[in-house]
Amino acid sequence: MNSNPPVNSDPAEIAKFSELAHRWWDPESEFRPLHQINPLRLAWIEGLVPLTGLKVLDVGCGGGILADSMARKGAEVTGIDLSTKALKVAQLHALEASTEGVSYREISAEGLAAEQPGTYDVVTCMEMLEHVPDPSSVVRACSTLVKPGGWVFFSTLNRNAQSFLFAIVGAEYMLNLLPKGTHEYAKMIRPSELASYCRDAELELLHTKGMEYNPLTKRYWLSANTRVNYLFATRRT
């Protein structure tokens, strides 16, 4: 009898991103929005926690866009994901770009939490929670993985009429910023829900930011508006 817990992942979601894996590092590909927002989220993280010398985990790292950039800030970074193809792309890019201090593993957040509790100074989980069946389980795992007093960062999509209009109808069907079917409305997470998951996982919410996009100027920026995309900075109590 197999006593291993079920993996908290959606095979269809993994397959969807695996099909595009070879395009992760093309800044004009379907992943262009990630390339454009990465400097914003990296600067926000660095403004709260200077990364040099810290042990960092990036949960749901995909092709390594954030993990690679955090390593270049001087952190010792581990990126984890369940997409074999995306991880191979991340590893290849690290070799080609000679990025030091970054490594990748194919393992779930829950699986790594069972192996390495209280190991990391910083845990990031960006644009990932809206793609798993049980986001609260990932939040708990992130809390387990970080050291007491350590930081955990999340970013995800709000669930309301405006986010449906902007993130799905606008971004996927009108502006073609993202592949059609990237996001499922029912899986989007209200800030109040994520805040509840954090409280239950002994993570104190300290800072919240929204992210906005102007389709005319094609510019992203951080703001106080959390109606569509938003970021949480939390600390383990």
Protein backbone atom coordinates (compact mmCIF):
# COMPACT_ATOMS: atom_id res chain seq x y z
CA MET A 1 0.00 0.00 0.00
CA ASN A 2 1.32 3.45 -0.95
CA SER A 3 1.39 5.68 2.14
CA ASN A 4 2.69 8.77 0.33
CA PRO A 5 0.30 11.73 0.45
CA PRO A 6 -1.33 12.78 -2.83
CA VAL A 7 0.62 15.43 -4.72
CA ASN A 8 -1.09 18.81 -4.61
CA SER A 9 -0.93 19.52 -8.34
CA ASP A 10 -3.12 19.56 -11.42
CA PRO A 11 -1.64 17.43 -14.24
CA ALA A 12 -3.41 19.59 -16.82
CA GLU A 13 -1.75 22.72 -15.40
CA ILE A 14 1.70 21.10 -15.46
CA ALA A 15 1.15 19.90 -19.03
CA LYS A 16 0.02 23.36 -20.10
CA PHE A 17 3.22 25.04 -18.93
CA SER A 18 5.42 22.12 -20.01
CA GLU A 19 4.29 22.58 -23.61
CA LEU A 20 5.60 26.15 -23.53
CA ALA A 21 8.73 25.39 -21.50
CA HIS A 22 11.18 25.97 -24.35
CA ARG A 23 9.93 29.58 -24.59
CA TRP A 24 10.43 30.57 -20.92
CA TRP A 25 13.49 32.73 -21.60
CA ASP A 26 12.20 34.40 -24.78
CA PRO A 27 11.18 37.89 -23.57
CA GLU A 28 8.80 38.23 -26.52
CA SER A 29 7.07 34.86 -25.93
CA GLU A 30 3.98 33.93 -23.95
CA PHE A 31 6.10 34.57 -20.85
CA ARG A 32 6.71 38.21 -21.73
CA PRO A 33 4.55 39.42 -18.80
CA LEU A 34 6.73 37.46 -16.35
CA HIS A 35 9.86 39.06 -17.78
CA GLN A 36 8.25 42.49 -17.50
CA ILE A 37 7.01 42.13 -13.92
CA ASN A 38 10.08 40.33 -12.59
CA PRO A 39 12.12 43.50 -11.92
CA LEU A 40 9.17 44.94 -9.99
CA ARG A 41 8.68 41.97 -7.71
CA LEU A 42 12.42 41.45 -7.27
CA ALA A 43 12.89 45.10 -6.23
CA TRP A 44 9.97 44.85 -3.81
CA ILE A 45 11.41 41.71 -2.17
CA GLU A 46 14.90 43.22 -2.02
CA GLY A 47 13.53 46.41 -0.51
CA LEU A 48 12.17 44.41 2.42
CA VAL A 49 14.86 41.74 2.68
CA PRO A 50 18.30 42.29 1.10
CA LEU A 51 19.00 38.89 -0.42
CA THR A 52 22.80 38.76 -0.36
CA GLY A 53 23.99 35.73 1.59
CA LEU A 54 20.50 34.42 2.33
CA LYS A 55 19.18 30.91 1.69
CA VAL A 56 16.15 31.30 -0.58
CA LEU A 57 13.53 28.90 -1.92
CA ASP A 58 11.39 29.68 -4.98
CA VAL A 59 8.27 27.49 -5.01
CA GLY A 60 6.78 26.89 -8.46
CA CYS A 61 9.88 28.33 -10.12
CA GLY A 62 8.99 27.32 -13.68
CA GLY A 63 11.83 28.22 -16.02
CA GLY A 64 13.67 30.10 -13.28
CA ILE A 65 13.07 33.77 -14.12
CA LEU A 66 12.75 34.89 -10.47
CA ALA A 67 15.10 32.25 -9.02
CA ASP A 68 17.88 33.25 -11.42
CA SER A 69 17.48 36.95 -10.66
CA MET A 70 17.55 36.36 -6.88
CA ALA A 71 20.75 34.33 -7.25
CA ARG A 72 22.26 37.26 -9.13
CA LYS A 73 21.50 39.40 -6.07
CA GLY A 74 23.80 37.13 -4.06
CA ALA A 75 21.33 34.66 -2.58
CA GLU A 76 21.77 30.89 -2.46
CA VAL A 77 18.61 29.88 -4.32
CA THR A 78 16.80 26.58 -4.75
CA GLY A 79 13.95 26.51 -7.27
CA ILE A 80 11.36 23.75 -7.12
CA ASP A 81 8.64 22.79 -9.59
CA LEU A 82 6.79 19.71 -10.83
CA SER A 83 7.34 20.40 -14.53
CA THR A 84 10.35 18.39 -15.69
CA LYS A 85 10.64 20.37 -18.91
CA ALA A 86 10.53 23.76 -17.20
CA LEU A 87 13.23 22.69 -14.75
CA LYS A 88 15.48 21.50 -17.58
CA VAL A 89 15.06 24.91 -19.22
CA ALA A 90 15.90 26.62 -15.91
CA GLN A 91 19.02 24.49 -15.44
CA LEU A 92 20.16 25.07 -19.02
CA HIS A 93 19.72 28.82 -18.68
CA ALA A 94 21.74 28.87 -15.46
CA LEU A 95 24.55 27.09 -17.31
CA GLU A 96 24.38 29.33 -20.36
CA ALA A 97 24.20 32.52 -18.29
CA SER A 98 26.84 31.28 -15.79
CA THR A 99 24.49 32.04 -12.91
CA GLU A 100 26.08 30.99 -9.63
CA GLY A 101 24.21 30.04 -6.49
CA VAL A 102 21.07 28.57 -8.06
CA SER A 103 19.93 24.94 -8.24
CA TYR A 104 16.67 23.22 -9.12
CA ARG A 105 14.70 20.20 -7.91
CA GLU A 106 11.59 18.42 -9.11
CA ILE A 107 9.62 18.19 -5.87
CA SER A 108 6.44 19.66 -4.39
CA ALA A 109 6.46 22.27 -1.65
CA GLU A 110 4.81 19.75 0.67
CA GLY A 111 7.41 17.11 -0.16
CA LEU A 112 10.31 19.46 0.52
CA ALA A 113 8.67 20.69 3.73
CA ALA A 114 8.70 17.12 5.04
CA GLU A 115 12.44 16.92 4.23
CA GLN A 116 13.70 20.38 5.18
CA PRO A 117 11.56 22.19 7.76
CA GLY A 118 12.86 25.53 8.97
CA THR A 119 15.67 25.64 6.40
CA TYR A 120 15.23 28.86 4.42
CA ASP A 121 15.58 32.56 5.24
CA VAL A 122 13.17 33.53 2.45
CA VAL A 123 10.52 31.60 0.53
CA THR A 124 8.86 32.98 -2.59
CA CYS A 125 5.74 31.56 -4.23
CA MET A 126 4.78 33.79 -7.13
CA GLU A 127 1.99 33.31 -9.68
CA MET A 128 1.59 29.72 -8.53
CA LEU A 129 -1.19 29.41 -5.92
CA GLU A 130 -3.94 29.94 -8.52
CA HIS A 131 -2.74 26.83 -10.38
CA VAL A 132 -3.00 24.18 -7.62
CA PRO A 133 -6.02 22.30 -6.23
CA ASP A 134 -5.29 23.24 -2.58
CA PRO A 135 -3.48 26.58 -2.22
CA SER A 136 -3.74 26.51 1.58
CA SER A 137 -1.58 23.36 1.59
CA VAL A 138 1.16 25.21 -0.32
CA VAL A 139 0.95 28.15 2.11
CA ARG A 140 1.38 25.75 5.06
CA ALA A 141 4.35 24.11 3.37
CA CYS A 142 5.98 27.49 2.72
CA SER A 143 5.54 28.36 6.40
CA THR A 144 7.10 25.04 7.43
CA LEU A 145 10.07 25.55 5.10
CA VAL A 146 11.02 29.02 6.33
CA LYS A 147 12.99 29.68 9.52
CA PRO A 148 11.20 31.35 12.45
CA GLY A 149 11.24 35.07 11.69
CA GLY A 150 11.90 34.37 8.01
CA TRP A 151 9.99 35.95 5.14
CA VAL A 152 7.48 34.32 2.80
CA PHE A 153 6.30 36.18 -0.31
CA PHE A 154 3.22 35.34 -2.35
CA SER A 155 1.71 36.81 -5.49
CA THR A 156 -1.52 35.71 -7.10
CA LEU A 157 -4.76 36.91 -8.71
CA ASN A 158 -7.81 38.28 -6.95
CA ARG A 159 -11.23 36.75 -7.70
CA ASN A 160 -13.82 39.33 -8.70
CA ALA A 161 -15.50 40.78 -11.80
CA GLN A 162 -12.65 43.20 -12.49
CA SER A 163 -9.96 40.52 -12.33
CA PHE A 164 -12.03 38.28 -14.61
CA LEU A 165 -12.32 41.14 -17.09
CA PHE A 166 -8.67 42.19 -16.92
CA ALA A 167 -6.77 38.94 -16.28
CA ILE A 168 -8.81 36.54 -18.41
CA VAL A 169 -10.90 38.42 -21.00
CA GLY A 170 -8.38 41.22 -21.48
CA ALA A 171 -5.00 39.54 -20.99
CA GLU A 172 -5.82 36.20 -22.63
CA TYR A 173 -8.43 36.95 -25.28
CA MET A 174 -8.13 40.61 -26.27
CA LEU A 175 -4.51 41.65 -25.74
CA ASN A 176 -2.95 38.17 -26.14
CA LEU A 177 -0.62 38.88 -23.24
CA LEU A 178 -1.06 35.29 -22.01
CA PRO A 179 -2.03 32.00 -23.68
CA LYS A 180 -5.77 31.35 -23.63
CA GLY A 181 -6.68 29.16 -20.66
CA THR A 182 -3.75 30.31 -18.50
CA HIS A 183 -6.07 31.21 -15.64
CA GLU A 184 -9.27 29.67 -14.34
CA TYR A 185 -11.60 32.09 -12.58
CA ALA A 186 -12.69 29.62 -9.90
CA LYS A 187 -9.06 29.11 -8.81
CA MET A 188 -8.35 32.79 -8.26
CA ILE A 189 -7.90 33.75 -4.60
CA ARG A 190 -9.30 36.75 -2.77
CA PRO A 191 -6.82 38.58 -0.49
CA SER A 192 -9.05 37.78 2.49
CA GLU A 193 -8.79 34.07 1.67
CA LEU A 194 -5.02 34.16 1.30
CA ALA A 195 -4.74 36.17 4.51
CA SER A 196 -6.74 33.45 6.28
CA TYR A 197 -4.45 30.73 4.90
CA CYS A 198 -1.46 32.73 6.16
CA ARG A 199 -2.90 33.17 9.66
CA ASP A 200 -3.66 29.46 9.89
CA ALA A 201 -0.04 28.75 8.85
CA GLU A 202 1.45 31.12 11.49
CA LEU A 203 2.48 33.68 8.90
CA GLU A 204 1.98 37.32 9.84
CA LEU A 205 0.92 39.54 6.93
CA LEU A 206 3.07 42.68 7.01
CA HIS A 207 2.86 44.26 3.56
CA THR A 208 0.45 44.12 0.62
CA LYS A 209 0.92 45.51 -2.87
CA GLY A 210 -1.14 45.51 -6.03
CA MET A 211 0.17 45.30 -9.58
CA GLU A 212 -1.37 47.22 -12.46
CA TYR A 213 -0.93 47.27 -16.24
CA ASN A 214 -1.59 49.95 -18.84
CA PRO A 215 -2.28 48.30 -22.24
CA LEU A 216 -1.57 51.56 -24.09
CA THR A 217 1.89 52.17 -22.64
CA LYS A 218 2.44 48.42 -22.02
CA ARG A 219 3.80 49.30 -18.60
CA TYR A 220 3.41 47.48 -15.28
CA TRP A 221 3.77 49.14 -11.88
CA LEU A 222 3.14 48.40 -8.20
CA SER A 223 0.39 50.29 -6.41
CA ALA A 224 -2.11 50.02 -3.55
CA ASN A 225 -4.75 48.60 -5.92
CA THR A 226 -5.15 44.87 -5.19
CA ARG A 227 -8.27 44.35 -7.30
CA VAL A 228 -6.48 42.20 -9.92
CA ASN A 229 -2.89 41.11 -9.20
CA TYR A 230 -1.56 41.40 -5.66
CA LEU A 231 1.49 40.51 -3.57
CA PHE A 232 1.80 39.56 0.12
CA ALA A 233 4.91 39.86 2.30
CA THR A 234 4.61 37.71 5.43
CA ARG A 235 6.87 36.60 8.26
CA ARG A 236 6.90 33.34 10.18
CA THR A 237 5.88 33.94 13.78
